[in-house]
Every structure is written in structure tokens, then in C-alpha cells.
Amino acid sequence: MRLRSKTIKIAAVLTVSFFAALIVFIVRPPVLIISDLSFAGLYGKNRLRSETAYSSFVLFRRLKYVAVADDAGDDIVLTAVEKASLGPFCVIFPLRFAKVARSFREKNPAVPVVILEGRSNTEDNPVDFAIGGNTEDYFIYKTDISADFYRAGLAAAIIDGDKSERIAVFLEPNINIQAKDAFLKAQNDINKPQQTSFFTVFSQFSGNQGISCVVLGGIGAEYLDKYSGIPVIFFTWINPELIPLDVVLVFNDSPPIQIVPAVRMVQSGMTKGKIQSKILFTGGKGVDKVTVRKLRKI
């Protein structure tokens, strides 16, 4: 009888605690994330839902996507944001919505405004065209190019293994120097310097003979249509179900991946920062089990 009574009390406490936590979760100001409708389709709706649920759980705060038409004007986007919540904890704007971010900031000075710049190098200030030189009132976060390409360099060396063949790396011109330095540093740090060729234009590439790994760092997606049979490291946010099996690793720096670190930096008052991409092992062909285990440790 005592055991039953104790069990009932424990169950009652757990039930009350659960509903109390649920109420707190619901009443806490949400985080708003601006997106366009085409993003969800290419990213994968189920994938987006699961990642949003995970981020909400980690932050213990609701995340609300404000999805707008791809051709929506700035005024329409601003109206949609303001209608989504009267008092959000913060609002996250991808770089393409920077002008809307400025308008929202001017009308709602008490709400932290986050701008995700993506892969711009440290010298660039891509938000200047939209918000001017005064960026102190914004929380501006970049993708950590050096950390990402350092890990990509490690991965490429692992994939090459003992073959000692050439690695082909396609880089956006605006991140070429920074990414190249980080990539080569990784290989030097593990005492495995490679024959690495860097391209900033796909037309420079003459073929994949003698190549053990290809890295697509912002350009060179044409490679996937013209060549096959070589393991690929792909910097993209596209749904992995839509990419070829040659892709072994995906580096994803999309807004859904950056939400948790961005919100945590806002909470800490950090107005500038860098966020590493999330590495997804896609199980692509062309790598053995030993290589797979090594890649998962990066």
C-alpha cells in the first residue's frame, strides 16, 4: 500500500513538472527565422521539421519559421515578421534579407536582430550595402571558413589514404585564400602533404584522372553532372537525398544548423562570431569501413 502511495506521489510530481515545463516553454518569447518557400523544398521538409524540433528542445524555446514567397517585397516580408510574434526573443535573418533586418531593427530596437552572413571572408562586410557601416546594433555571425576547410583537409587526406593521388578543390574566389590556407594547414598538421590543385573556375578543371578526392567548396557543382567514381566532399545545404552517391561528406552551414549557436551567442551578448558547419556523413560509395570510421571522428 505504501509503495502504491509513493508511486502515485511520484507520478503526480512528474505530471505537474511536465505541465509546468510545457507552460514555460510555450510562454517564453520565440525565436523567429526568416526563410523563403523554395528553401524548405530543396532542404527537405521532414529534415527541416526534425532539426527545428531538436533545436527547440535544446534551446527550450519555440522556433517559428516565417516563410515568404521568393519574390516577396521587403515590405511584405517585414509585415510577415511583425505578425509572427509581438515580442520575439530575437529574429534571425539570412543575409539576403539584410535590408528587411534594418527596417525591423529601426521599428523594434528592443529586439535583437541576427544576420547570418554565410561564407564571406573576414575582410568582407557584406551587410554594409543594407545596413551601412554601423553594425554595432546587430548580431552578425559568419560561417567559420577556416575551421570548415581545415576539417575538409583532414577528410580529404583520410579519403586519399595510401594512394597519394591528387586532390581537386573548387573554391569560391572570395574565400579562396582563407580556405586554401586552412585546407593545406590540416594536411601539414598530420604530416600528409598532398598534391592539391585549387580551382576558382570550373573550366580550369581538365578531368579526374589520378584524383582521389574532390572538394566542392561553393563552386564546381557541374562536376557532379560530368564526372563520377571519385569520393566528393560537398559544401551545401541541399537535401542529401537529392545529391549523387559519390558525395561522401556534406558540410552544411544553413540557417537551421546555425540557429542554436546563434541564439546562444545572443544570450551571451556576443555581437560578432563564427559558426562551424555541421558535417553529415552520407554513406557515399568509394570509401571502405576503416575510412568511414576515421571520417566520423573528424
C-alpha atoms as a PDB file:
ATOM      1  CA  MET A   1       0.000   0.000   0.000  1.00  0.00           C
ATOM      2  CA  ARG A   2       2.836   2.371   0.916  1.00  0.00           C
ATOM      3  CA  LEU A   3       4.606   1.532  -2.345  1.00  0.00           C
ATOM      4  CA  ARG A   4       1.466   2.314  -4.328  1.00  0.00           C
ATOM      5  CA  SER A   5       1.019   5.629  -2.482  1.00  0.00           C
ATOM      6  CA  LYS A   6       4.649   6.556  -3.131  1.00  0.00           C
ATOM      7  CA  THR A   7       4.271   5.674  -6.799  1.00  0.00           C
ATOM      8  CA  ILE A   8       1.175   7.872  -7.094  1.00  0.00           C
ATOM      9  CA  LYS A   9       3.004  10.805  -5.483  1.00  0.00           C
ATOM     10  CA  ILE A  10       5.969  10.431  -7.825  1.00  0.00           C
ATOM     11  CA  ALA A  11       3.648  10.244 -10.835  1.00  0.00           C
ATOM     12  CA  ALA A  12       1.794  13.362  -9.646  1.00  0.00           C
ATOM     13  CA  VAL A  13       5.040  15.304  -9.204  1.00  0.00           C
ATOM     14  CA  LEU A  14       6.268  14.256 -12.650  1.00  0.00           C
ATOM     15  CA  THR A  15       2.945  15.222 -14.226  1.00  0.00           C
ATOM     16  CA  VAL A  16       2.913  18.643 -12.566  1.00  0.00           C
ATOM     17  CA  SER A  17       6.561  19.194 -13.519  1.00  0.00           C
ATOM     18  CA  PHE A  18       5.861  18.240 -17.115  1.00  0.00           C
ATOM     19  CA  PHE A  19       2.928  20.629 -17.497  1.00  0.00           C
ATOM     20  CA  ALA A  20       4.808  23.403 -15.687  1.00  0.00           C
ATOM     21  CA  ALA A  21       7.737  22.980 -18.086  1.00  0.00           C
ATOM     22  CA  LEU A  22       5.344  22.910 -21.037  1.00  0.00           C
ATOM     23  CA  ILE A  23       3.721  26.167 -19.940  1.00  0.00           C
ATOM     24  CA  VAL A  24       7.123  27.821 -19.513  1.00  0.00           C
ATOM     25  CA  PHE A  25       8.156  26.561 -22.960  1.00  0.00           C
ATOM     26  CA  ILE A  26       5.012  27.984 -24.552  1.00  0.00           C
ATOM     27  CA  VAL A  27       5.079  31.390 -22.860  1.00  0.00           C
ATOM     28  CA  ARG A  28       8.773  32.069 -23.464  1.00  0.00           C
ATOM     29  CA  PRO A  29       9.336  34.502 -26.337  1.00  0.00           C
ATOM     30  CA  PRO A  30      10.031  32.571 -29.536  1.00  0.00           C
ATOM     31  CA  VAL A  31      12.914  32.837 -31.959  1.00  0.00           C
ATOM     32  CA  LEU A  32      11.842  33.875 -35.454  1.00  0.00           C
ATOM     33  CA  ILE A  33      13.746  32.653 -38.523  1.00  0.00           C
ATOM     34  CA  ILE A  34      13.065  34.218 -41.911  1.00  0.00           C
ATOM     35  CA  SER A  35      13.075  31.938 -44.942  1.00  0.00           C
ATOM     36  CA  ASP A  36      11.661  31.705 -48.438  1.00  0.00           C
ATOM     37  CA  LEU A  37       9.353  28.957 -49.630  1.00  0.00           C
ATOM     38  CA  SER A  38      11.811  27.384 -52.066  1.00  0.00           C
ATOM     39  CA  PHE A  39      14.321  26.749 -49.277  1.00  0.00           C
ATOM     40  CA  ALA A  40      12.122  24.222 -47.490  1.00  0.00           C
ATOM     41  CA  GLY A  41      11.535  22.314 -50.721  1.00  0.00           C
ATOM     42  CA  LEU A  42      15.236  21.970 -51.505  1.00  0.00           C
ATOM     43  CA  TYR A  43      16.303  21.465 -47.914  1.00  0.00           C
ATOM     44  CA  GLY A  44      13.722  18.758 -47.258  1.00  0.00           C
ATOM     45  CA  LYS A  45      10.561  19.464 -45.271  1.00  0.00           C
ATOM     46  CA  ASN A  46      10.897  16.427 -42.993  1.00  0.00           C
ATOM     47  CA  ARG A  47      14.546  17.248 -42.382  1.00  0.00           C
ATOM     48  CA  LEU A  48      13.657  20.844 -41.563  1.00  0.00           C
ATOM     49  CA  ARG A  49      10.925  19.775 -39.141  1.00  0.00           C
ATOM     50  CA  SER A  50      13.192  17.347 -37.284  1.00  0.00           C
ATOM     51  CA  GLU A  51      16.046  19.853 -36.999  1.00  0.00           C
ATOM     52  CA  THR A  52      13.655  22.566 -35.826  1.00  0.00           C
ATOM     53  CA  ALA A  53      12.229  20.250 -33.166  1.00  0.00           C
ATOM     54  CA  TYR A  54      15.733  19.356 -31.996  1.00  0.00           C
ATOM     55  CA  SER A  55      16.833  22.994 -31.810  1.00  0.00           C
ATOM     56  CA  SER A  56      13.646  23.927 -29.911  1.00  0.00           C
ATOM     57  CA  PHE A  57      14.359  21.155 -27.415  1.00  0.00           C
ATOM     58  CA  VAL A  58      17.997  22.195 -26.933  1.00  0.00           C
ATOM     59  CA  LEU A  59      17.132  25.881 -26.503  1.00  0.00           C
ATOM     60  CA  PHE A  60      13.910  25.147 -24.604  1.00  0.00           C
ATOM     61  CA  ARG A  61      12.272  27.805 -26.711  1.00  0.00           C
ATOM     62  CA  ARG A  62       9.863  27.783 -29.645  1.00  0.00           C
ATOM     63  CA  LEU A  63      11.304  28.374 -33.096  1.00  0.00           C
ATOM     64  CA  LYS A  64       8.963  29.874 -35.662  1.00  0.00           C
ATOM     65  CA  TYR A  65       9.801  29.994 -39.349  1.00  0.00           C
ATOM     66  CA  VAL A  66       8.442  32.975 -41.220  1.00  0.00           C
ATOM     67  CA  ALA A  67       8.244  31.606 -44.746  1.00  0.00           C
ATOM     68  CA  VAL A  68       7.694  34.134 -47.533  1.00  0.00           C
ATOM     69  CA  ALA A  69       7.412  33.864 -51.298  1.00  0.00           C
ATOM     70  CA  ASP A  70      10.724  34.032 -53.148  1.00  0.00           C
ATOM     71  CA  ASP A  71       9.683  37.230 -54.905  1.00  0.00           C
ATOM     72  CA  ALA A  72       8.099  38.890 -51.869  1.00  0.00           C
ATOM     73  CA  GLY A  73       8.975  42.566 -51.485  1.00  0.00           C
ATOM     74  CA  ASP A  74      10.712  43.908 -48.400  1.00  0.00           C
ATOM     75  CA  ASP A  75       7.513  45.467 -47.061  1.00  0.00           C
ATOM     76  CA  ILE A  76       5.682  42.143 -47.310  1.00  0.00           C
ATOM     77  CA  VAL A  77       8.488  40.295 -45.549  1.00  0.00           C
ATOM     78  CA  LEU A  78       8.584  42.915 -42.782  1.00  0.00           C
ATOM     79  CA  THR A  79       4.836  42.661 -42.252  1.00  0.00           C
ATOM     80  CA  ALA A  80       5.054  38.859 -42.057  1.00  0.00           C
ATOM     81  CA  VAL A  81       7.799  39.078 -39.430  1.00  0.00           C
ATOM     82  CA  GLU A  82       5.889  41.562 -37.284  1.00  0.00           C
ATOM     83  CA  LYS A  83       2.715  39.469 -37.432  1.00  0.00           C
ATOM     84  CA  ALA A  84       4.539  36.265 -36.441  1.00  0.00           C
ATOM     85  CA  SER A  85       5.166  37.438 -32.868  1.00  0.00           C
ATOM     86  CA  LEU A  86       4.572  40.623 -30.895  1.00  0.00           C
ATOM     87  CA  GLY A  87       7.674  40.122 -28.759  1.00  0.00           C
ATOM     88  CA  PRO A  88      10.173  37.576 -30.090  1.00  0.00           C
ATOM     89  CA  PHE A  89      13.359  36.762 -28.198  1.00  0.00           C
ATOM     90  CA  CYS A  90      15.316  37.516 -31.382  1.00  0.00           C
ATOM     91  CA  VAL A  91      14.839  37.451 -35.140  1.00  0.00           C
ATOM     92  CA  ILE A  92      17.283  35.640 -37.432  1.00  0.00           C
ATOM     93  CA  PHE A  93      17.708  36.979 -40.961  1.00  0.00           C
ATOM     94  CA  PRO A  94      19.791  35.243 -43.635  1.00  0.00           C
ATOM     95  CA  LEU A  95      21.979  37.767 -45.482  1.00  0.00           C
ATOM     96  CA  ARG A  96      19.595  38.106 -48.441  1.00  0.00           C
ATOM     97  CA  PHE A  97      17.041  39.671 -46.055  1.00  0.00           C
ATOM     98  CA  ALA A  98      19.510  42.206 -44.613  1.00  0.00           C
ATOM     99  CA  LYS A  99      17.503  45.210 -45.832  1.00  0.00           C
ATOM    100  CA  VAL A 100      14.432  43.882 -44.050  1.00  0.00           C
ATOM    101  CA  ALA A 101      16.581  43.328 -40.956  1.00  0.00           C
ATOM    102  CA  ARG A 102      17.460  47.010 -40.957  1.00  0.00           C
ATOM    103  CA  SER A 103      13.821  48.076 -41.265  1.00  0.00           C
ATOM    104  CA  PHE A 104      12.801  45.706 -38.467  1.00  0.00           C
ATOM    105  CA  ARG A 105      15.626  46.937 -36.228  1.00  0.00           C
ATOM    106  CA  GLU A 106      14.572  50.566 -36.718  1.00  0.00           C
ATOM    107  CA  LYS A 107      10.966  49.770 -35.751  1.00  0.00           C
ATOM    108  CA  ASN A 108      11.800  47.289 -32.968  1.00  0.00           C
ATOM    109  CA  PRO A 109      15.016  48.479 -31.274  1.00  0.00           C
ATOM    110  CA  ALA A 110      14.482  46.290 -28.207  1.00  0.00           C
ATOM    111  CA  VAL A 111      14.524  43.014 -30.177  1.00  0.00           C
ATOM    112  CA  PRO A 112      17.955  41.505 -31.013  1.00  0.00           C
ATOM    113  CA  VAL A 113      18.385  41.239 -34.790  1.00  0.00           C
ATOM    114  CA  VAL A 114      20.670  38.478 -36.063  1.00  0.00           C
ATOM    115  CA  ILE A 115      22.147  38.461 -39.566  1.00  0.00           C
ATOM    116  CA  LEU A 116      23.775  35.271 -40.856  1.00  0.00           C
ATOM    117  CA  GLU A 117      26.417  36.245 -43.402  1.00  0.00           C
ATOM    118  CA  GLY A 118      27.345  32.748 -44.562  1.00  0.00           C
ATOM    119  CA  ARG A 119      30.757  32.156 -46.136  1.00  0.00           C
ATOM    120  CA  SER A 120      32.119  35.640 -46.521  1.00  0.00           C
ATOM    121  CA  ASN A 121      35.784  36.150 -45.739  1.00  0.00           C
ATOM    122  CA  THR A 122      36.917  38.123 -42.718  1.00  0.00           C
ATOM    123  CA  GLU A 123      37.742  41.234 -44.753  1.00  0.00           C
ATOM    124  CA  ASP A 124      34.322  41.446 -46.369  1.00  0.00           C
ATOM    125  CA  ASN A 125      31.434  43.312 -44.802  1.00  0.00           C
ATOM    126  CA  PRO A 126      28.549  42.075 -46.946  1.00  0.00           C
ATOM    127  CA  VAL A 127      25.839  43.639 -44.775  1.00  0.00           C
ATOM    128  CA  ASP A 128      27.183  47.153 -45.394  1.00  0.00           C
ATOM    129  CA  PHE A 129      25.116  47.544 -48.548  1.00  0.00           C
ATOM    130  CA  ALA A 130      21.958  47.101 -46.496  1.00  0.00           C
ATOM    131  CA  ILE A 131      22.600  48.477 -43.038  1.00  0.00           C
ATOM    132  CA  GLY A 132      25.514  50.835 -43.630  1.00  0.00           C
ATOM    133  CA  GLY A 133      28.779  50.943 -41.730  1.00  0.00           C
ATOM    134  CA  ASN A 134      27.166  50.976 -38.276  1.00  0.00           C
ATOM    135  CA  THR A 135      26.747  47.296 -37.438  1.00  0.00           C
ATOM    136  CA  GLU A 136      27.073  47.589 -33.665  1.00  0.00           C
ATOM    137  CA  ASP A 137      23.320  47.307 -33.125  1.00  0.00           C
ATOM    138  CA  TYR A 138      23.183  43.915 -34.852  1.00  0.00           C
ATOM    139  CA  PHE A 139      24.308  40.394 -34.045  1.00  0.00           C
ATOM    140  CA  ILE A 140      26.315  39.339 -37.100  1.00  0.00           C
ATOM    141  CA  TYR A 141      27.610  35.802 -37.445  1.00  0.00           C
ATOM    142  CA  LYS A 142      29.683  34.229 -40.195  1.00  0.00           C
ATOM    143  CA  THR A 143      30.360  30.642 -41.172  1.00  0.00           C
ATOM    144  CA  ASP A 144      33.754  29.623 -39.804  1.00  0.00           C
ATOM    145  CA  ILE A 145      35.571  29.158 -43.119  1.00  0.00           C
ATOM    146  CA  SER A 146      38.943  28.285 -41.607  1.00  0.00           C
ATOM    147  CA  ALA A 147      37.535  25.627 -39.270  1.00  0.00           C
ATOM    148  CA  ASP A 148      35.396  24.106 -42.024  1.00  0.00           C
ATOM    149  CA  PHE A 149      38.146  23.843 -44.610  1.00  0.00           C
ATOM    150  CA  TYR A 150      40.621  22.614 -42.010  1.00  0.00           C
ATOM    151  CA  ARG A 151      38.266  19.700 -41.342  1.00  0.00           C
ATOM    152  CA  ALA A 152      37.763  19.240 -45.080  1.00  0.00           C
ATOM    153  CA  GLY A 153      41.547  18.983 -45.474  1.00  0.00           C
ATOM    154  CA  LEU A 154      41.652  16.276 -42.816  1.00  0.00           C
ATOM    155  CA  ALA A 155      38.806  14.421 -44.515  1.00  0.00           C
ATOM    156  CA  ALA A 156      40.429  14.612 -47.961  1.00  0.00           C
ATOM    157  CA  ALA A 157      43.689  13.208 -46.561  1.00  0.00           C
ATOM    158  CA  ILE A 158      41.786  10.350 -44.916  1.00  0.00           C
ATOM    159  CA  ILE A 159      39.929   9.558 -48.145  1.00  0.00           C
ATOM    160  CA  ASP A 160      43.179   9.571 -50.121  1.00  0.00           C
ATOM    161  CA  GLY A 161      44.693   7.137 -47.636  1.00  0.00           C
ATOM    162  CA  ASP A 162      47.815   5.494 -49.052  1.00  0.00           C
ATOM    163  CA  LYS A 163      47.028   6.320 -52.665  1.00  0.00           C
ATOM    164  CA  SER A 164      48.957   9.624 -52.572  1.00  0.00           C
ATOM    165  CA  GLU A 165      46.996  10.889 -55.545  1.00  0.00           C
ATOM    166  CA  ARG A 166      45.887  14.411 -56.371  1.00  0.00           C
ATOM    167  CA  ILE A 167      43.029  16.237 -54.626  1.00  0.00           C
ATOM    168  CA  ALA A 168      40.908  18.717 -56.573  1.00  0.00           C
ATOM    169  CA  VAL A 169      39.418  21.601 -54.603  1.00  0.00           C
ATOM    170  CA  PHE A 170      36.912  24.066 -56.094  1.00  0.00           C
ATOM    171  CA  LEU A 171      36.686  27.336 -54.143  1.00  0.00           C
ATOM    172  CA  GLU A 172      34.634  30.500 -54.401  1.00  0.00           C
ATOM    173  CA  PRO A 173      37.026  33.337 -55.342  1.00  0.00           C
ATOM    174  CA  ASN A 174      36.062  35.456 -52.318  1.00  0.00           C
ATOM    175  CA  ILE A 175      37.165  32.746 -49.857  1.00  0.00           C
ATOM    176  CA  ASN A 176      39.994  31.299 -51.933  1.00  0.00           C
ATOM    177  CA  ILE A 177      42.991  32.389 -49.847  1.00  0.00           C
ATOM    178  CA  GLN A 178      41.454  31.778 -46.434  1.00  0.00           C
ATOM    179  CA  ALA A 179      40.030  28.369 -47.355  1.00  0.00           C
ATOM    180  CA  LYS A 180      43.196  27.279 -49.188  1.00  0.00           C
ATOM    181  CA  ASP A 181      45.427  28.134 -46.224  1.00  0.00           C
ATOM    182  CA  ALA A 182      43.217  26.208 -43.793  1.00  0.00           C
ATOM    183  CA  PHE A 183      42.972  23.205 -46.120  1.00  0.00           C
ATOM    184  CA  LEU A 184      46.746  22.936 -46.551  1.00  0.00           C
ATOM    185  CA  LYS A 185      47.377  23.508 -42.844  1.00  0.00           C
ATOM    186  CA  ALA A 186      45.285  20.460 -41.987  1.00  0.00           C
ATOM    187  CA  GLN A 187      47.364  18.243 -44.230  1.00  0.00           C
ATOM    188  CA  ASN A 188      50.625  19.645 -42.911  1.00  0.00           C
ATOM    189  CA  ASP A 189      49.488  19.143 -39.314  1.00  0.00           C
ATOM    190  CA  ILE A 190      49.023  15.413 -39.925  1.00  0.00           C
ATOM    191  CA  ASN A 191      52.252  15.190 -41.937  1.00  0.00           C
ATOM    192  CA  LYS A 192      50.445  14.198 -45.096  1.00  0.00           C
ATOM    193  CA  PRO A 193      51.063  16.926 -47.682  1.00  0.00           C
ATOM    194  CA  GLN A 194      49.071  16.213 -50.818  1.00  0.00           C
ATOM    195  CA  GLN A 195      49.249  17.133 -54.444  1.00  0.00           C
ATOM    196  CA  THR A 196      46.350  19.528 -54.241  1.00  0.00           C
ATOM    197  CA  SER A 197      45.003  21.564 -57.143  1.00  0.00           C
ATOM    198  CA  PHE A 198      42.774  24.560 -56.396  1.00  0.00           C
ATOM    199  CA  PHE A 199      40.249  25.934 -58.890  1.00  0.00           C
ATOM    200  CA  THR A 200      38.122  29.062 -58.745  1.00  0.00           C
ATOM    201  CA  VAL A 201      36.536  28.440 -62.165  1.00  0.00           C
ATOM    202  CA  PHE A 202      35.226  25.049 -63.241  1.00  0.00           C
ATOM    203  CA  SER A 203      36.574  25.467 -66.779  1.00  0.00           C
ATOM    204  CA  GLN A 204      40.093  25.219 -65.310  1.00  0.00           C
ATOM    205  CA  PHE A 205      39.456  21.558 -64.495  1.00  0.00           C
ATOM    206  CA  SER A 206      40.630  19.115 -67.166  1.00  0.00           C
ATOM    207  CA  GLY A 207      39.455  15.751 -65.808  1.00  0.00           C
ATOM    208  CA  ASN A 208      39.521  13.437 -62.801  1.00  0.00           C
ATOM    209  CA  GLN A 209      42.307  11.063 -63.790  1.00  0.00           C
ATOM    210  CA  GLY A 210      44.726  10.482 -60.932  1.00  0.00           C
ATOM    211  CA  ILE A 211      42.426  12.190 -58.428  1.00  0.00           C
ATOM    212  CA  SER A 212      41.486  10.521 -55.143  1.00  0.00           C
ATOM    213  CA  CYS A 213      39.069  13.148 -53.764  1.00  0.00           C
ATOM    214  CA  VAL A 214      37.126  16.180 -54.980  1.00  0.00           C
ATOM    215  CA  VAL A 215      36.056  19.073 -52.743  1.00  0.00           C
ATOM    216  CA  LEU A 216      33.247  21.335 -53.927  1.00  0.00           C
ATOM    217  CA  GLY A 217      33.570  24.448 -51.781  1.00  0.00           C
ATOM    218  CA  GLY A 218      30.908  26.752 -53.149  1.00  0.00           C
ATOM    219  CA  ILE A 219      31.526  26.255 -56.874  1.00  0.00           C
ATOM    220  CA  GLY A 220      32.060  23.327 -59.218  1.00  0.00           C
ATOM    221  CA  ALA A 221      28.680  21.633 -58.842  1.00  0.00           C
ATOM    222  CA  GLU A 222      28.934  20.895 -62.580  1.00  0.00           C
ATOM    223  CA  TYR A 223      31.450  18.230 -61.641  1.00  0.00           C
ATOM    224  CA  LEU A 224      28.660  16.022 -60.311  1.00  0.00           C
ATOM    225  CA  ASP A 225      26.931  16.054 -63.704  1.00  0.00           C
ATOM    226  CA  LYS A 226      30.046  15.402 -65.792  1.00  0.00           C
ATOM    227  CA  TYR A 227      32.152  13.017 -63.715  1.00  0.00           C
ATOM    228  CA  SER A 228      31.685  10.145 -61.278  1.00  0.00           C
ATOM    229  CA  GLY A 229      33.562   7.455 -59.421  1.00  0.00           C
ATOM    230  CA  ILE A 230      35.586   9.726 -57.093  1.00  0.00           C
ATOM    231  CA  PRO A 231      34.576  10.461 -53.458  1.00  0.00           C
ATOM    232  CA  VAL A 232      33.289  14.025 -53.102  1.00  0.00           C
ATOM    233  CA  ILE A 233      33.202  16.427 -50.146  1.00  0.00           C
ATOM    234  CA  PHE A 234      30.357  18.863 -50.813  1.00  0.00           C
ATOM    235  CA  PHE A 235      29.728  22.219 -49.114  1.00  0.00           C
ATOM    236  CA  THR A 236      25.975  22.536 -49.496  1.00  0.00           C
ATOM    237  CA  TRP A 237      22.662  22.673 -47.640  1.00  0.00           C
ATOM    238  CA  ILE A 238      20.743  20.775 -50.326  1.00  0.00           C
ATOM    239  CA  ASN A 239      18.842  17.694 -49.123  1.00  0.00           C
ATOM    240  CA  PRO A 240      21.327  14.766 -49.229  1.00  0.00           C
ATOM    241  CA  GLU A 241      18.616  12.669 -50.891  1.00  0.00           C
ATOM    242  CA  LEU A 242      18.992  14.896 -53.965  1.00  0.00           C
ATOM    243  CA  ILE A 243      22.753  14.553 -54.405  1.00  0.00           C
ATOM    244  CA  PRO A 244      24.736  11.752 -56.129  1.00  0.00           C
ATOM    245  CA  LEU A 245      26.170   8.781 -54.243  1.00  0.00           C
ATOM    246  CA  ASP A 246      29.705   9.961 -54.956  1.00  0.00           C
ATOM    247  CA  VAL A 247      29.208  12.574 -52.221  1.00  0.00           C
ATOM    248  CA  VAL A 248      30.719  11.168 -49.028  1.00  0.00           C
ATOM    249  CA  LEU A 249      30.602  14.198 -46.710  1.00  0.00           C
ATOM    250  CA  VAL A 250      28.364  17.256 -46.666  1.00  0.00           C
ATOM    251  CA  PHE A 251      29.329  20.482 -44.879  1.00  0.00           C
ATOM    252  CA  ASN A 252      26.070  22.251 -44.048  1.00  0.00           C
ATOM    253  CA  ASP A 253      26.093  25.893 -42.872  1.00  0.00           C
ATOM    254  CA  SER A 254      22.409  26.612 -43.482  1.00  0.00           C
ATOM    255  CA  PRO A 255      20.340  28.772 -41.077  1.00  0.00           C
ATOM    256  CA  PRO A 256      18.647  25.726 -39.466  1.00  0.00           C
ATOM    257  CA  ILE A 257      22.081  24.438 -38.440  1.00  0.00           C
ATOM    258  CA  GLN A 258      23.231  27.827 -37.150  1.00  0.00           C
ATOM    259  CA  ILE A 259      20.168  28.581 -35.016  1.00  0.00           C
ATOM    260  CA  VAL A 260      21.375  27.030 -31.754  1.00  0.00           C
ATOM    261  CA  PRO A 261      24.880  28.571 -31.698  1.00  0.00           C
ATOM    262  CA  ALA A 262      23.476  31.905 -32.918  1.00  0.00           C
ATOM    263  CA  VAL A 263      20.857  32.101 -30.155  1.00  0.00           C
ATOM    264  CA  ARG A 264      23.423  31.092 -27.540  1.00  0.00           C
ATOM    265  CA  MET A 265      25.743  33.877 -28.698  1.00  0.00           C
ATOM    266  CA  VAL A 266      22.850  36.344 -28.482  1.00  0.00           C
ATOM    267  CA  GLN A 267      22.164  35.160 -24.935  1.00  0.00           C
ATOM    268  CA  SER A 268      25.801  35.751 -24.026  1.00  0.00           C
ATOM    269  CA  GLY A 269      25.791  39.229 -25.602  1.00  0.00           C
ATOM    270  CA  MET A 270      28.306  38.281 -28.286  1.00  0.00           C
ATOM    271  CA  THR A 271      27.563  40.577 -31.255  1.00  0.00           C
ATOM    272  CA  LYS A 272      30.127  39.086 -33.654  1.00  0.00           C
ATOM    273  CA  GLY A 273      31.035  35.437 -34.064  1.00  0.00           C
ATOM    274  CA  LYS A 274      31.744  32.452 -36.266  1.00  0.00           C
ATOM    275  CA  ILE A 275      29.833  29.188 -36.548  1.00  0.00           C
ATOM    276  CA  GLN A 276      31.204  25.896 -37.796  1.00  0.00           C
ATOM    277  CA  SER A 277      29.222  23.886 -40.336  1.00  0.00           C
ATOM    278  CA  LYS A 278      27.654  20.583 -39.419  1.00  0.00           C
ATOM    279  CA  ILE A 279      29.305  17.589 -41.081  1.00  0.00           C
ATOM    280  CA  LEU A 280      26.955  14.938 -42.378  1.00  0.00           C
ATOM    281  CA  PHE A 281      28.353  11.582 -43.469  1.00  0.00           C
ATOM    282  CA  THR A 282      26.102  10.473 -46.301  1.00  0.00           C
ATOM    283  CA  GLY A 283      27.388   6.916 -46.690  1.00  0.00           C
ATOM    284  CA  GLY A 284      28.523   7.613 -50.237  1.00  0.00           C
ATOM    285  CA  LYS A 285      30.278   4.974 -52.273  1.00  0.00           C
ATOM    286  CA  GLY A 286      34.010   4.714 -52.811  1.00  0.00           C
ATOM    287  CA  VAL A 287      35.185   4.527 -49.168  1.00  0.00           C
ATOM    288  CA  ASP A 288      35.792   1.426 -47.044  1.00  0.00           C
ATOM    289  CA  LYS A 289      34.726   0.795 -43.452  1.00  0.00           C
ATOM    290  CA  VAL A 290      38.077   1.816 -41.972  1.00  0.00           C
ATOM    291  CA  THR A 291      37.931   5.145 -43.817  1.00  0.00           C
ATOM    292  CA  VAL A 292      34.348   5.639 -42.693  1.00  0.00           C
ATOM    293  CA  ARG A 293      35.324   5.218 -39.027  1.00  0.00           C
ATOM    294  CA  LYS A 294      38.120   7.738 -39.406  1.00  0.00           C
ATOM    295  CA  LEU A 295      35.844  10.245 -41.142  1.00  0.00           C
ATOM    296  CA  ARG A 296      33.270  10.027 -38.373  1.00  0.00           C
ATOM    297  CA  LYS A 297      35.896  11.178 -35.857  1.00  0.00           C
ATOM    298  CA  ILE A 298      36.583  14.493 -37.602  1.00  0.00           C
END
